[in-house]
Amino acid sequence: MSECVASSASFDRDRDDSDKSRQSQLQRAFASGIVGSGHPVNEVRVEKLREEIYRWRTERQRVLAKLQAKRGSTTAGSARS
């Protein structure tokens, strides 16, 4: 008789673990569905990243132009000497 009780308790515990696992999987699937690639949060994030890349490019171009102008002025000055 005690084997049946132990077996039943084990079965109930396994079933509870399985239900929790299934529930956890459903919650993850639901969350993934909400925050998919078309979600507004991702769209805003991508737009902010694009703006940051644009800012880096323009800053890089400004610094390169400044360096080239500086090199040009030093090269012209040394050619005159």
Protein backbone atom coordinates (compact mmCIF):
# COMPACT_ATOMS: atom_id res chain seq x y z
CA MET A 1 0.00 0.00 0.00
CA SER A 2 2.80 2.44 0.79
CA GLU A 3 4.29 1.82 -2.67
CA CYS A 4 1.06 3.02 -4.26
CA VAL A 5 1.08 6.18 -2.15
CA ALA A 6 4.73 6.84 -2.96
CA SER A 7 4.13 6.14 -6.63
CA SER A 8 1.12 8.44 -6.65
CA ALA A 9 3.05 11.23 -4.94
CA SER A 10 5.88 10.84 -7.45
CA PHE A 11 3.40 10.95 -10.34
CA ASP A 12 1.77 14.12 -8.97
CA ARG A 13 5.17 15.78 -8.49
CA ASP A 14 6.24 14.89 -12.05
CA ARG A 15 2.95 16.17 -13.42
CA ASP A 16 3.36 19.46 -11.50
CA ASP A 17 6.90 19.88 -12.90
CA SER A 18 5.64 19.14 -16.40
CA ASP A 19 2.79 21.66 -16.01
CA LYS A 20 5.21 24.33 -14.78
CA SER A 21 7.56 23.64 -17.68
CA ARG A 22 4.71 23.82 -20.21
CA GLN A 23 3.44 27.04 -18.61
CA SER A 24 6.92 28.52 -18.75
CA GLN A 25 7.22 27.62 -22.44
CA LEU A 26 3.86 29.25 -23.16
CA GLN A 27 4.90 32.40 -21.34
CA ARG A 28 8.14 32.62 -23.33
CA ALA A 29 6.27 32.02 -26.60
CA PHE A 30 3.75 34.72 -25.69
CA ALA A 31 6.49 37.18 -24.76
CA SER A 32 8.38 36.43 -27.97
CA GLY A 33 5.23 37.03 -29.97
CA ILE A 34 4.69 40.41 -28.35
CA VAL A 35 8.27 41.59 -28.74
CA GLY A 36 8.82 40.41 -32.30
CA SER A 37 10.88 42.18 -34.92
CA GLY A 38 7.96 44.43 -35.85
CA HIS A 39 7.36 45.64 -32.32
CA PRO A 40 7.51 49.44 -31.93
CA VAL A 41 10.22 49.18 -29.27
CA ASN A 42 12.53 47.47 -31.77
CA GLU A 43 11.67 50.02 -34.46
CA VAL A 44 12.56 52.89 -32.13
CA ARG A 45 15.78 51.13 -31.13
CA VAL A 46 16.81 50.61 -34.75
CA GLU A 47 16.04 54.24 -35.58
CA LYS A 48 18.16 55.44 -32.63
CA LEU A 49 21.04 53.21 -33.76
CA ARG A 50 20.81 54.60 -37.29
CA GLU A 51 20.92 58.14 -35.93
CA GLU A 52 24.00 57.26 -33.87
CA ILE A 53 25.76 55.74 -36.89
CA TYR A 54 24.96 58.87 -38.92
CA ARG A 55 26.38 61.04 -36.13
CA TRP A 56 29.58 58.94 -36.01
CA ARG A 57 30.00 59.16 -39.79
CA THR A 58 29.56 62.91 -39.92
CA GLU A 59 31.96 63.38 -36.99
CA ARG A 60 34.51 61.10 -38.68
CA GLN A 61 34.23 63.05 -41.94
CA ARG A 62 34.64 66.35 -40.09
CA VAL A 63 37.78 65.13 -38.30
CA LEU A 64 39.25 63.66 -41.51
CA ALA A 65 38.64 66.91 -43.37
CA LYS A 66 40.30 68.84 -40.55
CA LEU A 67 43.33 66.51 -40.59
CA GLN A 68 43.64 66.73 -44.38
CA ALA A 69 43.47 70.51 -44.23
CA LYS A 70 46.13 70.55 -41.54
CA ARG A 71 48.38 68.24 -43.58
CA GLY A 72 47.83 70.35 -46.66
CA SER A 73 48.85 73.52 -44.86
CA THR A 74 51.98 71.93 -43.34
CA THR A 75 52.97 70.39 -46.66
CA ALA A 76 52.52 73.70 -48.47
CA GLY A 77 54.51 75.51 -45.80
CA SER A 78 57.43 73.09 -46.00
CA ALA A 79 57.44 73.22 -49.81
CA ARG A 80 58.00 76.98 -49.72
CA SER A 81 61.05 76.70 -47.50
